Amino acid sequence: MPQLIVEECTRGGAHVAYYAVDRFPLRIGRAFDNDIVLADPFVSPLHLVITDGGDAWMLDDRSSENGTFIGKGERLTGPMCAGSGDQITLGKTVLRLWSPHHPVGRTQIFPTRRSIVRRAVTPALALASLLVAGAMVILQQHLDTEKKTALVTLVAGSIPYLSVPLLWAGLWAVAGFIVRRHAQFALQLLVGNVVYILFIALSLAVEYIDYMSGSVAVADTFQYAGDAVLATALLFINMSLAGGMNDLRRGIVSVLVGGGVVAAVAVSDHAESGENRLLPVYSHTLKPISGRFSHADSLDQFIAEGGKIFGEEGSGASNGRAEP
């Protein structure tokens, strides 16, 4: 009966192979005379030796060039104990040590009608979120246009914008498949659509904040802060689904990349403002959402209604007469 099961994994955690060990010491490295040979150029010829320590196993790094790490990244500086389920990193290879008596998870049941329905929930939500994102894009175009535009034209104009979350989800799905052999395209698309909707809602809200506050600085601060938070959250969730990093590294990368992009946009916008602006640009438009559907009065009707406010002068003007 084996005394140890060594599982070889990729850096992202995908299973590669199992090795049953029934004798010690166990030699691991890139050289062919080892008990476990790893085809990893970052692993030393003799990288690690594992000996039986009774209730645990003793790990001994044999002066490897790139070191051996256990758990979340603690480097072996001398002999160290490891238990069942512990993770060891050698070069770009991850090994997990398992006792033959380690409990395993529950057996997966073949798909039933209920499980199929559950699996369809995420794609359905992704499709619904894509439709909502399309409606938000159409609304934004409606508010930004100054002339009457047919609905078909607005729908056609929203298609290029909807390709952004689709492409974004596709890229992260490919990354997830490479790292974890699990694409999760529907879930990536759902996350991307939700954040995309929040970006559009933030852009619309900023225009009203600009109008109510009367300060471009307040509106821009709200815009850049909101964009940074959304970009950071989006990157963190995408990387969590794709795998390949721990939470701390994902958080650092998300903040640096998301916040850095928003900061670069803010600096670029500031550089083009004021006297540096080559062409006059009106960045904010504001009109009622239902403005196109409100009742329109003629000029004579407007003058007549104004006459009720300004008295005889308004009435005389409404009848085309002027006071002497």
C-alpha atoms as a PDB file:
ATOM      1  CA  MET A   1       0.000   0.000   0.000  1.00  0.00           C
ATOM      2  CA  PRO A   2       1.423   3.454  -0.873  1.00  0.00           C
ATOM      3  CA  GLN A   3       2.510   5.658   1.987  1.00  0.00           C
ATOM      4  CA  LEU A   4       2.170   8.921   0.068  1.00  0.00           C
ATOM      5  CA  ILE A   5       0.313  10.189  -2.997  1.00  0.00           C
ATOM      6  CA  VAL A   6       2.000  13.072  -4.826  1.00  0.00           C
ATOM      7  CA  GLU A   7      -0.254  15.069  -7.142  1.00  0.00           C
ATOM      8  CA  GLU A   8       1.351  17.145  -9.886  1.00  0.00           C
ATOM      9  CA  CYS A   9      -0.560  20.282 -10.921  1.00  0.00           C
ATOM     10  CA  THR A  10      -0.103  23.308 -13.114  1.00  0.00           C
ATOM     11  CA  ARG A  11       0.531  26.728 -11.599  1.00  0.00           C
ATOM     12  CA  GLY A  12      -3.190  27.435 -11.952  1.00  0.00           C
ATOM     13  CA  GLY A  13      -4.158  24.299 -10.023  1.00  0.00           C
ATOM     14  CA  ALA A  14      -5.146  22.006 -12.921  1.00  0.00           C
ATOM     15  CA  HIS A  15      -4.433  18.327 -12.257  1.00  0.00           C
ATOM     16  CA  VAL A  16      -1.628  16.693 -14.296  1.00  0.00           C
ATOM     17  CA  ALA A  17      -0.737  13.327 -12.695  1.00  0.00           C
ATOM     18  CA  TYR A  18      -0.688  11.245  -9.501  1.00  0.00           C
ATOM     19  CA  TYR A  19       2.399   9.402  -8.182  1.00  0.00           C
ATOM     20  CA  ALA A  20       2.036   6.629  -5.600  1.00  0.00           C
ATOM     21  CA  VAL A  21       5.055   6.480  -3.277  1.00  0.00           C
ATOM     22  CA  ASP A  22       5.797   3.342  -1.235  1.00  0.00           C
ATOM     23  CA  ARG A  23       9.418   3.962  -0.246  1.00  0.00           C
ATOM     24  CA  PHE A  24      11.545   6.806   1.074  1.00  0.00           C
ATOM     25  CA  PRO A  25      13.578   8.922   0.643  1.00  0.00           C
ATOM     26  CA  LEU A  26      11.697  10.345  -2.357  1.00  0.00           C
ATOM     27  CA  ARG A  27      13.893  12.271  -4.803  1.00  0.00           C
ATOM     28  CA  ILE A  28      12.213  14.904  -7.009  1.00  0.00           C
ATOM     29  CA  GLY A  29      13.884  16.888  -9.768  1.00  0.00           C
ATOM     30  CA  ARG A  30      14.551  17.280 -13.458  1.00  0.00           C
ATOM     31  CA  ALA A  31      17.274  14.611 -13.728  1.00  0.00           C
ATOM     32  CA  PHE A  32      16.169  11.196 -14.975  1.00  0.00           C
ATOM     33  CA  ASP A  33      17.595   9.311 -11.989  1.00  0.00           C
ATOM     34  CA  ASN A  34      14.987  10.837  -9.639  1.00  0.00           C
ATOM     35  CA  ASP A  35      11.949   8.956  -8.349  1.00  0.00           C
ATOM     36  CA  ILE A  36       9.667  11.693  -9.758  1.00  0.00           C
ATOM     37  CA  VAL A  37      10.957  13.428 -12.872  1.00  0.00           C
ATOM     38  CA  LEU A  38       9.513  16.886 -13.627  1.00  0.00           C
ATOM     39  CA  ALA A  39       9.755  18.330 -17.142  1.00  0.00           C
ATOM     40  CA  ASP A  40      10.068  21.870 -15.824  1.00  0.00           C
ATOM     41  CA  PRO A  41      13.133  23.905 -16.903  1.00  0.00           C
ATOM     42  CA  PHE A  42      12.890  25.952 -13.698  1.00  0.00           C
ATOM     43  CA  VAL A  43      13.330  22.832 -11.532  1.00  0.00           C
ATOM     44  CA  SER A  44      16.881  21.803 -10.550  1.00  0.00           C
ATOM     45  CA  PRO A  45      18.295  18.361 -11.486  1.00  0.00           C
ATOM     46  CA  LEU A  46      17.866  17.272  -7.842  1.00  0.00           C
ATOM     47  CA  HIS A  47      15.480  19.786  -6.368  1.00  0.00           C
ATOM     48  CA  LEU A  48      13.756  18.241  -3.348  1.00  0.00           C
ATOM     49  CA  VAL A  49      14.016  15.167  -1.126  1.00  0.00           C
ATOM     50  CA  ILE A  50      11.064  13.972   0.950  1.00  0.00           C
ATOM     51  CA  THR A  51      11.569  11.575   3.874  1.00  0.00           C
ATOM     52  CA  ASP A  52       9.054   9.826   6.095  1.00  0.00           C
ATOM     53  CA  GLY A  53       8.601  11.588   9.391  1.00  0.00           C
ATOM     54  CA  GLY A  54       5.932   9.364  10.921  1.00  0.00           C
ATOM     55  CA  ASP A  55       2.812  11.531  11.189  1.00  0.00           C
ATOM     56  CA  ALA A  56       4.229  13.993   8.623  1.00  0.00           C
ATOM     57  CA  TRP A  57       6.802  14.184   5.841  1.00  0.00           C
ATOM     58  CA  MET A  58      10.088  16.030   6.010  1.00  0.00           C
ATOM     59  CA  LEU A  59      10.966  18.316   3.097  1.00  0.00           C
ATOM     60  CA  ASP A  60      14.598  19.075   2.312  1.00  0.00           C
ATOM     61  CA  ASP A  61      15.506  21.498  -0.480  1.00  0.00           C
ATOM     62  CA  ARG A  62      18.796  20.409  -2.049  1.00  0.00           C
ATOM     63  CA  SER A  63      20.193  23.885  -2.764  1.00  0.00           C
ATOM     64  CA  SER A  64      17.945  24.381  -5.775  1.00  0.00           C
ATOM     65  CA  GLU A  65      18.520  27.489  -7.865  1.00  0.00           C
ATOM     66  CA  ASN A  66      14.904  28.740  -7.712  1.00  0.00           C
ATOM     67  CA  GLY A  67      14.005  27.431  -4.262  1.00  0.00           C
ATOM     68  CA  THR A  68      11.093  25.412  -2.880  1.00  0.00           C
ATOM     69  CA  PHE A  69       7.982  27.021  -1.434  1.00  0.00           C
ATOM     70  CA  ILE A  70       5.303  25.531   0.784  1.00  0.00           C
ATOM     71  CA  GLY A  71       1.729  26.720   1.301  1.00  0.00           C
ATOM     72  CA  LYS A  72       1.099  30.378   0.370  1.00  0.00           C
ATOM     73  CA  GLY A  73       4.733  31.066  -0.495  1.00  0.00           C
ATOM     74  CA  GLU A  74       6.932  30.285   2.522  1.00  0.00           C
ATOM     75  CA  ARG A  75      10.380  29.398   1.252  1.00  0.00           C
ATOM     76  CA  LEU A  76      12.197  26.356   2.644  1.00  0.00           C
ATOM     77  CA  THR A  77      15.374  27.472   4.352  1.00  0.00           C
ATOM     78  CA  GLY A  78      15.934  24.129   6.060  1.00  0.00           C
ATOM     79  CA  PRO A  79      14.135  20.839   6.705  1.00  0.00           C
ATOM     80  CA  MET A  80      10.413  21.438   7.215  1.00  0.00           C
ATOM     81  CA  CYS A  81       7.410  19.236   8.018  1.00  0.00           C
ATOM     82  CA  ALA A  82       4.442  18.901   5.649  1.00  0.00           C
ATOM     83  CA  GLY A  83       1.093  17.208   6.168  1.00  0.00           C
ATOM     84  CA  SER A  84      -1.608  15.746   3.979  1.00  0.00           C
ATOM     85  CA  GLY A  85      -3.055  18.363   1.636  1.00  0.00           C
ATOM     86  CA  ASP A  86      -0.067  20.717   1.782  1.00  0.00           C
ATOM     87  CA  GLN A  87       1.019  22.385  -1.443  1.00  0.00           C
ATOM     88  CA  ILE A  88       4.642  22.616  -2.585  1.00  0.00           C
ATOM     89  CA  THR A  89       5.887  24.786  -5.449  1.00  0.00           C
ATOM     90  CA  LEU A  90       9.033  23.873  -7.403  1.00  0.00           C
ATOM     91  CA  GLY A  91       9.803  26.187 -10.315  1.00  0.00           C
ATOM     92  CA  LYS A  92       6.492  26.462 -12.180  1.00  0.00           C
ATOM     93  CA  THR A  93       5.259  23.076 -10.953  1.00  0.00           C
ATOM     94  CA  VAL A  94       2.881  22.621  -8.039  1.00  0.00           C
ATOM     95  CA  LEU A  95       2.857  19.390  -6.007  1.00  0.00           C
ATOM     96  CA  ARG A  96       0.272  18.393  -3.431  1.00  0.00           C
ATOM     97  CA  LEU A  97       0.987  15.754  -0.815  1.00  0.00           C
ATOM     98  CA  TRP A  98      -1.862  13.399   0.086  1.00  0.00           C
ATOM     99  CA  SER A  99      -2.136  10.639   2.633  1.00  0.00           C
ATOM    100  CA  PRO A 100      -3.782   7.459   1.259  1.00  0.00           C
ATOM    101  CA  HIS A 101      -6.372   7.900   4.035  1.00  0.00           C
ATOM    102  CA  HIS A 102      -7.163  11.528   3.244  1.00  0.00           C
ATOM    103  CA  PRO A 103     -10.958  11.975   2.867  1.00  0.00           C
ATOM    104  CA  VAL A 104     -12.223  12.720  -0.636  1.00  0.00           C
ATOM    105  CA  GLY A 105     -15.129  14.830  -1.787  1.00  0.00           C
ATOM    106  CA  ARG A 106     -18.600  13.611  -2.603  1.00  0.00           C
ATOM    107  CA  THR A 107     -19.156  11.682  -5.807  1.00  0.00           C
ATOM    108  CA  GLN A 108     -20.642  13.804  -8.565  1.00  0.00           C
ATOM    109  CA  ILE A 109     -24.023  12.667  -9.830  1.00  0.00           C
ATOM    110  CA  PHE A 110     -24.790  12.461 -13.531  1.00  0.00           C
ATOM    111  CA  PRO A 111     -26.777  15.474 -14.775  1.00  0.00           C
ATOM    112  CA  THR A 112     -30.501  15.410 -14.127  1.00  0.00           C
ATOM    113  CA  ARG A 113     -33.224  17.685 -15.422  1.00  0.00           C
ATOM    114  CA  ARG A 114     -32.912  19.866 -12.332  1.00  0.00           C
ATOM    115  CA  SER A 115     -29.119  20.130 -12.622  1.00  0.00           C
ATOM    116  CA  ILE A 116     -29.443  21.025 -16.308  1.00  0.00           C
ATOM    117  CA  VAL A 117     -31.832  23.839 -15.367  1.00  0.00           C
ATOM    118  CA  ARG A 118     -29.341  25.066 -12.770  1.00  0.00           C
ATOM    119  CA  ARG A 119     -26.565  25.077 -15.339  1.00  0.00           C
ATOM    120  CA  ALA A 120     -28.759  27.115 -17.659  1.00  0.00           C
ATOM    121  CA  VAL A 121     -29.277  29.845 -15.053  1.00  0.00           C
ATOM    122  CA  THR A 122     -25.907  31.548 -15.590  1.00  0.00           C
ATOM    123  CA  PRO A 123     -26.165  31.658 -19.433  1.00  0.00           C
ATOM    124  CA  ALA A 124     -29.731  32.976 -19.113  1.00  0.00           C
ATOM    125  CA  LEU A 125     -28.620  35.696 -16.709  1.00  0.00           C
ATOM    126  CA  ALA A 126     -25.710  36.548 -19.018  1.00  0.00           C
ATOM    127  CA  LEU A 127     -28.106  36.941 -21.962  1.00  0.00           C
ATOM    128  CA  ALA A 128     -30.524  39.027 -19.882  1.00  0.00           C
ATOM    129  CA  SER A 129     -27.691  41.277 -18.695  1.00  0.00           C
ATOM    130  CA  LEU A 130     -26.562  41.717 -22.310  1.00  0.00           C
ATOM    131  CA  LEU A 131     -30.066  42.863 -23.256  1.00  0.00           C
ATOM    132  CA  VAL A 132     -30.137  45.287 -20.312  1.00  0.00           C
ATOM    133  CA  ALA A 133     -26.733  46.632 -21.342  1.00  0.00           C
ATOM    134  CA  GLY A 134     -28.076  47.137 -24.875  1.00  0.00           C
ATOM    135  CA  ALA A 135     -31.071  49.031 -23.510  1.00  0.00           C
ATOM    136  CA  MET A 136     -28.748  51.249 -21.455  1.00  0.00           C
ATOM    137  CA  VAL A 137     -26.619  52.005 -24.507  1.00  0.00           C
ATOM    138  CA  ILE A 138     -29.740  52.903 -26.511  1.00  0.00           C
ATOM    139  CA  LEU A 139     -30.909  55.171 -23.675  1.00  0.00           C
ATOM    140  CA  GLN A 140     -27.548  56.910 -23.562  1.00  0.00           C
ATOM    141  CA  GLN A 141     -27.605  57.470 -27.322  1.00  0.00           C
ATOM    142  CA  HIS A 142     -31.150  58.812 -27.060  1.00  0.00           C
ATOM    143  CA  LEU A 143     -30.065  61.347 -24.446  1.00  0.00           C
ATOM    144  CA  ASP A 144     -26.966  62.374 -26.409  1.00  0.00           C
ATOM    145  CA  THR A 145     -28.665  62.969 -29.772  1.00  0.00           C
ATOM    146  CA  GLU A 146     -29.970  66.427 -30.603  1.00  0.00           C
ATOM    147  CA  LYS A 147     -32.349  65.394 -33.381  1.00  0.00           C
ATOM    148  CA  LYS A 148     -35.075  62.816 -33.712  1.00  0.00           C
ATOM    149  CA  THR A 149     -33.551  59.402 -34.389  1.00  0.00           C
ATOM    150  CA  ALA A 150     -35.397  56.225 -35.291  1.00  0.00           C
ATOM    151  CA  LEU A 151     -35.270  53.352 -32.838  1.00  0.00           C
ATOM    152  CA  VAL A 152     -33.784  51.084 -35.516  1.00  0.00           C
ATOM    153  CA  THR A 153     -30.874  53.498 -35.915  1.00  0.00           C
ATOM    154  CA  LEU A 154     -30.292  53.579 -32.161  1.00  0.00           C
ATOM    155  CA  VAL A 155     -30.334  49.770 -31.978  1.00  0.00           C
ATOM    156  CA  ALA A 156     -27.889  49.488 -34.876  1.00  0.00           C
ATOM    157  CA  GLY A 157     -25.612  52.042 -33.244  1.00  0.00           C
ATOM    158  CA  SER A 158     -25.568  50.069 -29.975  1.00  0.00           C
ATOM    159  CA  ILE A 159     -24.235  46.874 -31.583  1.00  0.00           C
ATOM    160  CA  PRO A 160     -20.556  47.972 -31.680  1.00  0.00           C
ATOM    161  CA  TYR A 161     -20.753  48.945 -27.997  1.00  0.00           C
ATOM    162  CA  LEU A 162     -22.174  45.530 -27.045  1.00  0.00           C
ATOM    163  CA  SER A 163     -19.230  43.823 -28.728  1.00  0.00           C
ATOM    164  CA  VAL A 164     -16.989  45.230 -25.964  1.00  0.00           C
ATOM    165  CA  PRO A 165     -18.289  43.002 -23.101  1.00  0.00           C
ATOM    166  CA  LEU A 166     -18.477  40.019 -25.486  1.00  0.00           C
ATOM    167  CA  LEU A 167     -14.837  40.432 -26.508  1.00  0.00           C
ATOM    168  CA  TRP A 168     -13.770  41.090 -22.920  1.00  0.00           C
ATOM    169  CA  ALA A 169     -15.530  37.949 -21.651  1.00  0.00           C
ATOM    170  CA  GLY A 170     -14.046  35.910 -24.502  1.00  0.00           C
ATOM    171  CA  LEU A 171     -10.492  36.950 -23.654  1.00  0.00           C
ATOM    172  CA  TRP A 172     -10.911  36.089 -19.968  1.00  0.00           C
ATOM    173  CA  ALA A 173     -12.607  32.792 -20.849  1.00  0.00           C
ATOM    174  CA  VAL A 174      -9.578  31.849 -22.952  1.00  0.00           C
ATOM    175  CA  ALA A 175      -7.282  32.813 -20.069  1.00  0.00           C
ATOM    176  CA  GLY A 176      -9.351  30.697 -17.669  1.00  0.00           C
ATOM    177  CA  PHE A 177      -9.224  27.721 -20.021  1.00  0.00           C
ATOM    178  CA  ILE A 178      -5.445  28.007 -20.345  1.00  0.00           C
ATOM    179  CA  VAL A 179      -4.846  28.330 -16.609  1.00  0.00           C
ATOM    180  CA  ARG A 180      -7.592  26.199 -15.072  1.00  0.00           C
ATOM    181  CA  ARG A 181      -9.045  24.295 -18.047  1.00  0.00           C
ATOM    182  CA  HIS A 182     -12.355  25.967 -17.196  1.00  0.00           C
ATOM    183  CA  ALA A 183     -13.475  28.824 -19.456  1.00  0.00           C
ATOM    184  CA  GLN A 184     -16.663  30.048 -17.665  1.00  0.00           C
ATOM    185  CA  PHE A 185     -17.571  32.320 -20.593  1.00  0.00           C
ATOM    186  CA  ALA A 186     -21.175  32.838 -19.448  1.00  0.00           C
ATOM    187  CA  LEU A 187     -20.089  33.884 -15.954  1.00  0.00           C
ATOM    188  CA  GLN A 188     -17.374  36.167 -17.326  1.00  0.00           C
ATOM    189  CA  LEU A 189     -19.953  37.734 -19.665  1.00  0.00           C
ATOM    190  CA  LEU A 190     -22.420  38.219 -16.797  1.00  0.00           C
ATOM    191  CA  VAL A 191     -19.794  39.995 -14.701  1.00  0.00           C
ATOM    192  CA  GLY A 192     -18.672  42.131 -17.636  1.00  0.00           C
ATOM    193  CA  ASN A 193     -22.236  43.130 -18.518  1.00  0.00           C
ATOM    194  CA  VAL A 194     -23.113  44.093 -14.943  1.00  0.00           C
ATOM    195  CA  VAL A 195     -20.030  46.302 -14.625  1.00  0.00           C
ATOM    196  CA  TYR A 196     -20.665  47.724 -18.121  1.00  0.00           C
ATOM    197  CA  ILE A 197     -24.200  48.671 -17.054  1.00  0.00           C
ATOM    198  CA  LEU A 198     -22.794  50.345 -13.943  1.00  0.00           C
ATOM    199  CA  PHE A 199     -20.300  52.286 -16.096  1.00  0.00           C
ATOM    200  CA  ILE A 200     -23.147  53.606 -18.271  1.00  0.00           C
ATOM    201  CA  ALA A 201     -25.316  54.415 -15.244  1.00  0.00           C
ATOM    202  CA  LEU A 202     -22.382  56.266 -13.678  1.00  0.00           C
ATOM    203  CA  SER A 203     -21.847  58.270 -16.863  1.00  0.00           C
ATOM    204  CA  LEU A 204     -25.519  59.283 -16.941  1.00  0.00           C
ATOM    205  CA  ALA A 205     -25.520  60.136 -13.233  1.00  0.00           C
ATOM    206  CA  VAL A 206     -22.439  62.344 -13.590  1.00  0.00           C
ATOM    207  CA  GLU A 207     -24.224  64.594 -16.070  1.00  0.00           C
ATOM    208  CA  TYR A 208     -26.992  65.285 -13.554  1.00  0.00           C
ATOM    209  CA  ILE A 209     -24.455  65.731 -10.760  1.00  0.00           C
ATOM    210  CA  ASP A 210     -22.693  68.312 -12.939  1.00  0.00           C
ATOM    211  CA  TYR A 211     -26.008  70.074 -13.546  1.00  0.00           C
ATOM    212  CA  MET A 212     -27.148  70.091  -9.905  1.00  0.00           C
ATOM    213  CA  SER A 213     -23.781  70.965  -8.353  1.00  0.00           C
ATOM    214  CA  GLY A 214     -22.765  73.493 -10.980  1.00  0.00           C
ATOM    215  CA  SER A 215     -19.174  72.298 -10.612  1.00  0.00           C
ATOM    216  CA  VAL A 216     -17.271  70.421 -13.264  1.00  0.00           C
ATOM    217  CA  ALA A 217     -14.618  69.482 -10.681  1.00  0.00           C
ATOM    218  CA  VAL A 218     -17.202  67.730  -8.494  1.00  0.00           C
ATOM    219  CA  ALA A 219     -18.613  65.829 -11.465  1.00  0.00           C
ATOM    220  CA  ASP A 220     -15.174  64.808 -12.725  1.00  0.00           C
ATOM    221  CA  THR A 221     -14.082  63.662  -9.257  1.00  0.00           C
ATOM    222  CA  PHE A 222     -17.203  61.527  -8.967  1.00  0.00           C
ATOM    223  CA  GLN A 223     -16.629  60.159 -12.480  1.00  0.00           C
ATOM    224  CA  TYR A 224     -12.971  59.205 -11.997  1.00  0.00           C
ATOM    225  CA  ALA A 225     -13.506  57.758  -8.516  1.00  0.00           C
ATOM    226  CA  GLY A 226     -16.416  55.638  -9.719  1.00  0.00           C
ATOM    227  CA  ASP A 227     -14.507  54.487 -12.805  1.00  0.00           C
ATOM    228  CA  ALA A 228     -11.523  53.460 -10.675  1.00  0.00           C
ATOM    229  CA  VAL A 229     -13.686  51.432  -8.283  1.00  0.00           C
ATOM    230  CA  LEU A 230     -15.558  49.689 -11.109  1.00  0.00           C
ATOM    231  CA  ALA A 231     -12.389  48.959 -13.101  1.00  0.00           C
ATOM    232  CA  THR A 232     -10.626  47.552 -10.045  1.00  0.00           C
ATOM    233  CA  ALA A 233     -13.607  45.364  -9.110  1.00  0.00           C
ATOM    234  CA  LEU A 234     -13.983  44.110 -12.683  1.00  0.00           C
ATOM    235  CA  LEU A 235     -10.337  43.094 -12.975  1.00  0.00           C
ATOM    236  CA  PHE A 236     -10.325  41.411  -9.562  1.00  0.00           C
ATOM    237  CA  ILE A 237     -13.418  39.313 -10.359  1.00  0.00           C
ATOM    238  CA  ASN A 238     -12.130  38.422 -13.837  1.00  0.00           C
ATOM    239  CA  MET A 239      -8.788  37.262 -12.445  1.00  0.00           C
ATOM    240  CA  SER A 240     -10.521  35.333  -9.648  1.00  0.00           C
ATOM    241  CA  LEU A 241     -12.594  33.415 -12.206  1.00  0.00           C
ATOM    242  CA  ALA A 242      -9.603  32.817 -14.476  1.00  0.00           C
ATOM    243  CA  GLY A 243      -7.304  31.791 -11.599  1.00  0.00           C
ATOM    244  CA  GLY A 244      -3.533  31.853 -11.455  1.00  0.00           C
ATOM    245  CA  MET A 245      -2.961  34.289  -8.544  1.00  0.00           C
ATOM    246  CA  ASN A 246      -3.715  34.510  -4.850  1.00  0.00           C
ATOM    247  CA  ASP A 247      -6.119  37.159  -3.533  1.00  0.00           C
ATOM    248  CA  LEU A 248      -3.390  39.564  -2.425  1.00  0.00           C
ATOM    249  CA  ARG A 249      -1.662  39.602  -5.804  1.00  0.00           C
ATOM    250  CA  ARG A 250      -4.994  39.896  -7.609  1.00  0.00           C
ATOM    251  CA  GLY A 251      -5.899  42.874  -5.437  1.00  0.00           C
ATOM    252  CA  ILE A 252      -2.578  44.613  -6.043  1.00  0.00           C
ATOM    253  CA  VAL A 253      -2.693  44.047  -9.813  1.00  0.00           C
ATOM    254  CA  SER A 254      -6.339  45.166  -9.989  1.00  0.00           C
ATOM    255  CA  VAL A 255      -5.655  48.401  -8.120  1.00  0.00           C
ATOM    256  CA  LEU A 256      -2.509  49.195 -10.093  1.00  0.00           C
ATOM    257  CA  VAL A 257      -3.975  48.433 -13.524  1.00  0.00           C
ATOM    258  CA  GLY A 258      -7.531  49.690 -12.960  1.00  0.00           C
ATOM    259  CA  GLY A 259      -6.511  52.779 -11.033  1.00  0.00           C
ATOM    260  CA  GLY A 260      -3.578  53.421 -13.358  1.00  0.00           C
ATOM    261  CA  VAL A 261      -5.735  53.424 -16.489  1.00  0.00           C
ATOM    262  CA  VAL A 262      -8.282  55.780 -14.913  1.00  0.00           C
ATOM    263  CA  ALA A 263      -5.489  58.054 -13.657  1.00  0.00           C
ATOM    264  CA  ALA A 264      -3.979  58.180 -17.153  1.00  0.00           C
ATOM    265  CA  VAL A 265      -7.368  59.110 -18.627  1.00  0.00           C
ATOM    266  CA  ALA A 266      -7.824  61.806 -15.972  1.00  0.00           C
ATOM    267  CA  VAL A 267      -4.403  63.304 -16.715  1.00  0.00           C
ATOM    268  CA  SER A 268      -5.131  63.208 -20.455  1.00  0.00           C
ATOM    269  CA  ASP A 269      -8.496  64.933 -19.974  1.00  0.00           C
ATOM    270  CA  HIS A 270      -6.908  67.598 -17.780  1.00  0.00           C
ATOM    271  CA  ALA A 271      -4.139  68.197 -20.312  1.00  0.00           C
ATOM    272  CA  GLU A 272      -6.726  68.857 -23.028  1.00  0.00           C
ATOM    273  CA  SER A 273      -8.873  71.161 -20.912  1.00  0.00           C
ATOM    274  CA  GLY A 274      -8.930  74.942 -20.824  1.00  0.00           C
ATOM    275  CA  GLU A 275      -6.447  76.738 -23.055  1.00  0.00           C
ATOM    276  CA  ASN A 276      -4.922  73.459 -24.204  1.00  0.00           C
ATOM    277  CA  ARG A 277      -8.150  72.313 -25.855  1.00  0.00           C
ATOM    278  CA  LEU A 278      -7.842  72.405 -29.638  1.00  0.00           C
ATOM    279  CA  LEU A 279     -11.573  72.244 -30.343  1.00  0.00           C
ATOM    280  CA  PRO A 280     -14.534  73.178 -28.143  1.00  0.00           C
ATOM    281  CA  VAL A 281     -15.931  70.001 -26.635  1.00  0.00           C
ATOM    282  CA  TYR A 282     -19.134  69.844 -24.645  1.00  0.00           C
ATOM    283  CA  SER A 283     -18.693  66.712 -22.583  1.00  0.00           C
ATOM    284  CA  HIS A 284     -22.032  66.758 -20.779  1.00  0.00           C
ATOM    285  CA  THR A 285     -25.517  66.795 -22.257  1.00  0.00           C
ATOM    286  CA  LEU A 286     -28.671  66.896 -20.216  1.00  0.00           C
ATOM    287  CA  LYS A 287     -32.301  66.495 -21.159  1.00  0.00           C
ATOM    288  CA  PRO A 288     -35.352  64.746 -19.742  1.00  0.00           C
ATOM    289  CA  ILE A 289     -35.511  61.060 -20.568  1.00  0.00           C
ATOM    290  CA  SER A 290     -39.089  61.471 -21.840  1.00  0.00           C
ATOM    291  CA  GLY A 291     -38.446  64.835 -23.480  1.00  0.00           C
ATOM    292  CA  ARG A 292     -39.245  63.576 -26.973  1.00  0.00           C
ATOM    293  CA  PHE A 293     -42.644  62.361 -25.855  1.00  0.00           C
ATOM    294  CA  SER A 294     -43.832  65.525 -24.059  1.00  0.00           C
ATOM    295  CA  HIS A 295     -46.552  67.745 -25.539  1.00  0.00           C
ATOM    296  CA  ALA A 296     -45.165  70.508 -27.801  1.00  0.00           C
ATOM    297  CA  ASP A 297     -46.913  73.921 -27.881  1.00  0.00           C
ATOM    298  CA  SER A 298     -46.862  76.286 -30.830  1.00  0.00           C
ATOM    299  CA  LEU A 299     -45.275  79.721 -30.523  1.00  0.00           C
ATOM    300  CA  ASP A 300     -48.683  81.439 -30.346  1.00  0.00           C
ATOM    301  CA  GLN A 301     -49.780  79.082 -27.583  1.00  0.00           C
ATOM    302  CA  PHE A 302     -46.604  79.797 -25.676  1.00  0.00           C
ATOM    303  CA  ILE A 303     -47.100  83.568 -25.975  1.00  0.00           C
ATOM    304  CA  ALA A 304     -50.715  83.235 -24.920  1.00  0.00           C
ATOM    305  CA  GLU A 305     -49.765  81.252 -21.844  1.00  0.00           C
ATOM    306  CA  GLY A 306     -47.069  83.801 -21.063  1.00  0.00           C
ATOM    307  CA  GLY A 307     -49.654  86.557 -21.240  1.00  0.00           C
ATOM    308  CA  LYS A 308     -51.434  85.084 -18.254  1.00  0.00           C
ATOM    309  CA  ILE A 309     -48.294  85.648 -16.246  1.00  0.00           C
ATOM    310  CA  PHE A 310     -47.307  89.103 -17.466  1.00  0.00           C
ATOM    311  CA  GLY A 311     -50.817  90.541 -17.727  1.00  0.00           C
ATOM    312  CA  GLU A 312     -52.054  92.789 -20.490  1.00  0.00           C
ATOM    313  CA  GLU A 313     -48.616  93.160 -22.005  1.00  0.00           C
ATOM    314  CA  GLY A 314     -48.429  89.420 -22.555  1.00  0.00           C
ATOM    315  CA  SER A 315     -52.046  89.329 -23.819  1.00  0.00           C
ATOM    316  CA  GLY A 316     -51.485  92.147 -26.205  1.00  0.00           C
ATOM    317  CA  ALA A 317     -48.386  90.433 -27.523  1.00  0.00           C
ATOM    318  CA  SER A 318     -50.300  87.222 -27.924  1.00  0.00           C
ATOM    319  CA  ASN A 319     -52.880  88.984 -30.117  1.00  0.00           C
ATOM    320  CA  GLY A 320     -50.225  90.596 -32.187  1.00  0.00           C
ATOM    321  CA  ARG A 321     -50.936  94.082 -30.689  1.00  0.00           C
ATOM    322  CA  ALA A 322     -48.379  96.287 -29.020  1.00  0.00           C
ATOM    323  CA  GLU A 323     -49.167  98.935 -26.385  1.00  0.00           C
ATOM    324  CA  PRO A 324     -48.501 102.494 -27.560  1.00  0.00           C
END
